[in-house]
Amino acid sequence: MKPGINYINKRFIKRLIKLRKAKGYNAEKLAFASGMSPNGYRYIERGDREPKLISLAMSAGGLGIILSKLLDL
């Protein structure tokens, strides 16, 4: 049985927050480093919105990592 989308989203959000904190960034700082609005970034981190691929790539760039590392592939 495949994991549900909610499980995948929660797992991704946990990873994003872990990587953000390891970098020493708060949500606002990562948003700016990623070229995103702080509110837009917060929607993703709270799970209010499912991120588009471009948002994932921008978040990875803001963290200084490649997208596959952010997605844990």
C-alpha atoms as a PDB file:
ATOM      1  CA  MET A   1       0.000   0.000   0.000  1.00  0.00           C
ATOM      2  CA  LYS A   2       1.332   3.442  -0.954  1.00  0.00           C
ATOM      3  CA  PRO A   3       1.498   6.169   1.670  1.00  0.00           C
ATOM      4  CA  GLY A   4      -1.209   8.823   1.383  1.00  0.00           C
ATOM      5  CA  ILE A   5      -0.594  12.375   0.232  1.00  0.00           C
ATOM      6  CA  ASN A   6      -1.036  13.711   3.779  1.00  0.00           C
ATOM      7  CA  TYR A   7       1.739  11.419   5.023  1.00  0.00           C
ATOM      8  CA  ILE A   8       4.023  12.538   2.194  1.00  0.00           C
ATOM      9  CA  ASN A   9       3.272  16.219   2.837  1.00  0.00           C
ATOM     10  CA  LYS A  10       3.904  15.892   6.572  1.00  0.00           C
ATOM     11  CA  ARG A  11       7.155  14.040   5.970  1.00  0.00           C
ATOM     12  CA  PHE A  12       8.319  16.675   3.473  1.00  0.00           C
ATOM     13  CA  ILE A  13       7.415  19.538   5.816  1.00  0.00           C
ATOM     14  CA  LYS A  14       9.329  17.904   8.692  1.00  0.00           C
ATOM     15  CA  ARG A  15      12.372  17.548   6.425  1.00  0.00           C
ATOM     16  CA  LEU A  16      12.121  21.138   5.197  1.00  0.00           C
ATOM     17  CA  ILE A  17      11.933  22.487   8.748  1.00  0.00           C
ATOM     18  CA  LYS A  18      14.830  20.266   9.872  1.00  0.00           C
ATOM     19  CA  LEU A  19      17.045  21.473   7.011  1.00  0.00           C
ATOM     20  CA  ARG A  20      16.010  25.097   7.580  1.00  0.00           C
ATOM     21  CA  LYS A  21      16.879  24.933  11.264  1.00  0.00           C
ATOM     22  CA  ALA A  22      20.174  23.145  10.550  1.00  0.00           C
ATOM     23  CA  LYS A  23      21.074  26.104   8.331  1.00  0.00           C
ATOM     24  CA  GLY A  24      20.228  28.448  11.217  1.00  0.00           C
ATOM     25  CA  TYR A  25      17.392  30.111   9.309  1.00  0.00           C
ATOM     26  CA  ASN A  26      13.995  31.143  10.542  1.00  0.00           C
ATOM     27  CA  ALA A  27      11.075  30.862   8.106  1.00  0.00           C
ATOM     28  CA  GLU A  28      11.350  34.488   6.990  1.00  0.00           C
ATOM     29  CA  LYS A  29      15.073  34.268   6.290  1.00  0.00           C
ATOM     30  CA  LEU A  30      14.633  31.130   4.183  1.00  0.00           C
ATOM     31  CA  ALA A  31      11.752  32.740   2.317  1.00  0.00           C
ATOM     32  CA  PHE A  32      13.947  35.678   1.339  1.00  0.00           C
ATOM     33  CA  ALA A  33      16.926  33.439   0.517  1.00  0.00           C
ATOM     34  CA  SER A  34      14.587  31.412  -1.701  1.00  0.00           C
ATOM     35  CA  GLY A  35      13.085  34.426  -3.461  1.00  0.00           C
ATOM     36  CA  MET A  36       9.649  33.704  -2.031  1.00  0.00           C
ATOM     37  CA  SER A  37       7.337  35.870   0.013  1.00  0.00           C
ATOM     38  CA  PRO A  38       7.398  35.078   3.730  1.00  0.00           C
ATOM     39  CA  ASN A  39       3.647  34.414   3.701  1.00  0.00           C
ATOM     40  CA  GLY A  40       3.906  32.097   0.701  1.00  0.00           C
ATOM     41  CA  TYR A  41       6.683  30.154   2.368  1.00  0.00           C
ATOM     42  CA  ARG A  42       4.773  29.917   5.653  1.00  0.00           C
ATOM     43  CA  TYR A  43       1.748  28.471   3.819  1.00  0.00           C
ATOM     44  CA  ILE A  44       3.973  25.642   2.594  1.00  0.00           C
ATOM     45  CA  GLU A  45       5.609  25.031   5.963  1.00  0.00           C
ATOM     46  CA  ARG A  46       2.270  24.963   7.775  1.00  0.00           C
ATOM     47  CA  GLY A  47       0.848  22.574   5.201  1.00  0.00           C
ATOM     48  CA  ASP A  48      -1.826  25.046   4.095  1.00  0.00           C
ATOM     49  CA  ARG A  49      -0.733  24.658   0.467  1.00  0.00           C
ATOM     50  CA  GLU A  50       0.893  21.904  -1.518  1.00  0.00           C
ATOM     51  CA  PRO A  51       4.054  23.397  -3.000  1.00  0.00           C
ATOM     52  CA  LYS A  52       4.553  23.606  -6.735  1.00  0.00           C
ATOM     53  CA  LEU A  53       7.748  22.218  -8.200  1.00  0.00           C
ATOM     54  CA  ILE A  54       9.157  25.731  -8.659  1.00  0.00           C
ATOM     55  CA  SER A  55       8.598  26.450  -4.944  1.00  0.00           C
ATOM     56  CA  LEU A  56      10.432  23.258  -4.041  1.00  0.00           C
ATOM     57  CA  ALA A  57      13.333  24.209  -6.293  1.00  0.00           C
ATOM     58  CA  MET A  58      13.425  27.730  -4.848  1.00  0.00           C
ATOM     59  CA  SER A  59      13.431  26.362  -1.285  1.00  0.00           C
ATOM     60  CA  ALA A  60      16.285  24.014  -2.121  1.00  0.00           C
ATOM     61  CA  GLY A  61      18.209  26.905  -3.665  1.00  0.00           C
ATOM     62  CA  GLY A  62      17.648  29.009  -0.560  1.00  0.00           C
ATOM     63  CA  LEU A  63      19.084  26.188   1.524  1.00  0.00           C
ATOM     64  CA  GLY A  64      22.039  25.832  -0.832  1.00  0.00           C
ATOM     65  CA  ILE A  65      21.203  22.224  -1.709  1.00  0.00           C
ATOM     66  CA  ILE A  66      19.944  20.393  -4.769  1.00  0.00           C
ATOM     67  CA  LEU A  67      16.270  19.549  -5.061  1.00  0.00           C
ATOM     68  CA  SER A  68      16.802  15.793  -4.743  1.00  0.00           C
ATOM     69  CA  LYS A  69      18.439  16.328  -1.331  1.00  0.00           C
ATOM     70  CA  LEU A  70      15.464  18.362  -0.161  1.00  0.00           C
ATOM     71  CA  LEU A  71      13.140  15.602  -1.328  1.00  0.00           C
ATOM     72  CA  ASP A  72      15.451  12.966   0.191  1.00  0.00           C
ATOM     73  CA  LEU A  73      15.787  11.035  -3.086  1.00  0.00           C
END
